[in-house]
Amino acid sequence: MNRIVAYTILLVALGGCTAHREVAPLTPNHPASPEAAEAPALPASETLRVESKTAPPDENDAAATRHHNPGAAKPAYSCPMHSEITSATAGRCPKCGMNLTLKAP
């Protein structure tokens, strides 16, 4: 008897889930509607934009002369975390703010 009651409850529960329910049609301004207007594009984010804070080298500067001399050894500094960040002078990484370290020649 308990088995019949359990099957009956199971059938009623499953049958209730499959009952046809009428779904309201989408309005033209609903986001899922094909007729809905497209959302406007957002402006470009400036979160990761990096601005150069170094001035161009002065022609009278000895470091600039050494930098442009192909025969002279030039020191190169880089960020320990971002190897793509390099500089001819010591400073800070524009991405993370760490001190640039002298690279081995």
Protein backbone atom coordinates (compact mmCIF):
# COMPACT_ATOMS: atom_id res chain seq x y z
CA MET A 1 0.00 0.00 0.00
CA ASN A 2 2.83 2.41 0.84
CA ARG A 3 4.35 1.76 -2.57
CA ILE A 4 1.14 2.77 -4.37
CA VAL A 5 0.93 6.01 -2.36
CA ALA A 6 4.57 6.83 -3.10
CA TYR A 7 4.10 6.22 -6.85
CA THR A 8 0.92 8.29 -6.87
CA ILE A 9 2.67 11.21 -5.15
CA LEU A 10 5.58 10.91 -7.57
CA LEU A 11 3.30 10.92 -10.62
CA VAL A 12 1.33 13.89 -9.34
CA ALA A 13 4.52 15.81 -8.61
CA LEU A 14 6.04 15.07 -12.02
CA GLY A 15 2.77 15.65 -13.81
CA GLY A 16 2.45 19.06 -12.18
CA CYS A 17 5.86 20.08 -13.53
CA THR A 18 4.90 19.18 -17.08
CA ALA A 19 1.57 20.99 -17.08
CA HIS A 20 1.29 23.50 -19.90
CA ARG A 21 1.71 27.02 -18.69
CA GLU A 22 1.09 29.93 -21.00
CA VAL A 23 4.11 32.20 -21.34
CA ALA A 24 3.50 35.90 -21.80
CA PRO A 25 4.90 37.24 -25.09
CA LEU A 26 7.94 39.47 -24.96
CA THR A 27 7.38 43.17 -25.37
CA PRO A 28 9.52 45.04 -27.93
CA ASN A 29 11.50 46.77 -25.16
CA HIS A 30 12.33 43.51 -23.31
CA PRO A 31 16.12 42.77 -23.51
CA ALA A 32 15.51 39.22 -24.80
CA SER A 33 13.24 40.38 -27.59
CA PRO A 34 14.74 40.43 -31.10
CA GLU A 35 12.95 43.74 -31.70
CA ALA A 36 14.58 45.39 -28.66
CA ALA A 37 16.85 48.34 -29.32
CA GLU A 38 20.58 47.73 -29.11
CA ALA A 39 22.29 48.98 -25.97
CA PRO A 40 24.56 51.99 -26.51
CA ALA A 41 28.30 51.32 -26.54
CA LEU A 42 30.15 52.32 -23.38
CA PRO A 43 33.04 54.80 -23.59
CA ALA A 44 36.54 53.36 -23.48
CA SER A 45 37.82 52.65 -19.98
CA GLU A 46 40.80 54.62 -18.73
CA THR A 47 41.56 52.25 -15.85
CA LEU A 48 44.71 50.73 -17.35
CA ARG A 49 45.83 53.64 -19.52
CA VAL A 50 49.50 54.43 -18.95
CA GLU A 51 50.80 57.91 -19.61
CA SER A 52 54.47 58.52 -20.17
CA LYS A 53 55.83 60.86 -17.50
CA THR A 54 59.34 61.12 -18.91
CA ALA A 55 60.42 64.08 -20.99
CA PRO A 56 62.41 63.59 -24.18
CA PRO A 57 66.18 63.65 -23.53
CA ASP A 58 67.95 66.97 -23.70
CA GLU A 59 70.62 67.20 -26.42
CA ASN A 60 73.09 68.65 -23.88
CA ASP A 61 72.52 65.82 -21.40
CA ALA A 62 75.47 63.43 -21.02
CA ALA A 63 73.16 60.47 -20.39
CA ALA A 64 71.30 61.19 -23.63
CA THR A 65 74.59 61.36 -25.54
CA ARG A 66 75.67 58.04 -24.03
CA HIS A 67 72.27 56.56 -24.90
CA HIS A 68 72.58 57.46 -28.58
CA ASN A 69 76.20 56.29 -28.85
CA PRO A 70 75.96 52.74 -30.27
CA GLY A 71 79.43 51.74 -29.00
CA ALA A 72 78.82 52.71 -25.38
CA ALA A 73 77.34 50.27 -22.89
CA LYS A 74 73.97 51.60 -21.78
CA PRO A 75 72.34 50.63 -18.51
CA ALA A 76 68.89 49.12 -18.83
CA TYR A 77 66.37 49.06 -16.02
CA SER A 78 63.29 46.85 -15.95
CA CYS A 79 60.40 46.07 -13.63
CA PRO A 80 60.81 42.81 -11.66
CA MET A 81 57.11 42.02 -12.18
CA HIS A 82 56.61 43.36 -15.74
CA SER A 83 59.59 42.47 -17.93
CA GLU A 84 58.12 44.43 -20.86
CA ILE A 85 58.61 47.70 -18.92
CA THR A 86 62.16 48.93 -19.57
CA SER A 87 63.89 52.26 -19.18
CA ALA A 88 67.33 53.73 -19.71
CA THR A 89 67.12 55.41 -16.30
CA ALA A 90 66.07 54.26 -12.84
CA GLY A 91 62.49 55.00 -11.88
CA ARG A 92 59.20 53.33 -11.08
CA CYS A 93 57.04 50.91 -13.08
CA PRO A 94 53.95 52.71 -14.44
CA LYS A 95 51.85 49.55 -13.98
CA CYS A 96 52.64 48.53 -10.39
CA GLY A 97 54.84 51.30 -8.96
CA MET A 98 57.77 49.02 -8.08
CA ASN A 99 61.31 50.38 -8.42
CA LEU A 100 62.96 49.47 -11.71
CA THR A 101 66.03 47.27 -11.22
CA LEU A 102 69.25 47.26 -13.22
CA LYS A 103 69.28 44.42 -15.75
CA ALA A 104 72.41 42.32 -16.11
CA PRO A 105 74.33 43.10 -19.34
